[in-house]
Amino acid sequence: MRHGCSCGAVSGGTSSDNPPDGAIAVGEHSIQLARSLNQRTQLTRLLVWTGLIYIGRGDLERGRELVEESWSLSGAGARADVPVDVHMVVPAHIGIATAHLFAREFDDAIRVARLGLDIADRTGSAISSGSSMCHPAASWWITFARTD
């Protein structure tokens, strides 16, 4: 069963022939909808997830544009003592770290990923339980990235 929005972005045209194209169309449509409804938390997350699709497809420029907007909107760059919405800030860190990774900016990717994990861990929320599972993988990746 295919899922999509009423705009037909997934089920019509070339998007059904290439699922990532459909995901991009749905993502872009959802970003517009979140903007029009002033849904900041959803918008921040949609910017990241749609940006990650672009990055994965090789369009680093468009992907970075979206994740940087998410970073700005979320307040992710704020001082550590400023309260933040973890559901906005952690995805923003994921997006920026991924953009750095695909740009082969390994030191920046590691730095941003660690900051995001630290924020998630400090919350004690369900997000931090997921991030703690990433620590062994992050440790391996950090070692791998440093040898490149």
Foldseek 3Di string as FASTA:
>chain_A
DDDADPVCLCPDDCCVVPVLSSVLSRLVVVLVVCVVVVVLLVNLLSLQVSLVSCVVVPNLVSSVVSLVVLCVSQVLVPDPVDDGDLSSNLSSLVSVLVSCVSVLVNVVSLVSNVSSLVVQCVVPDPSNVVSVVCVVVSVVVNVVSVVD
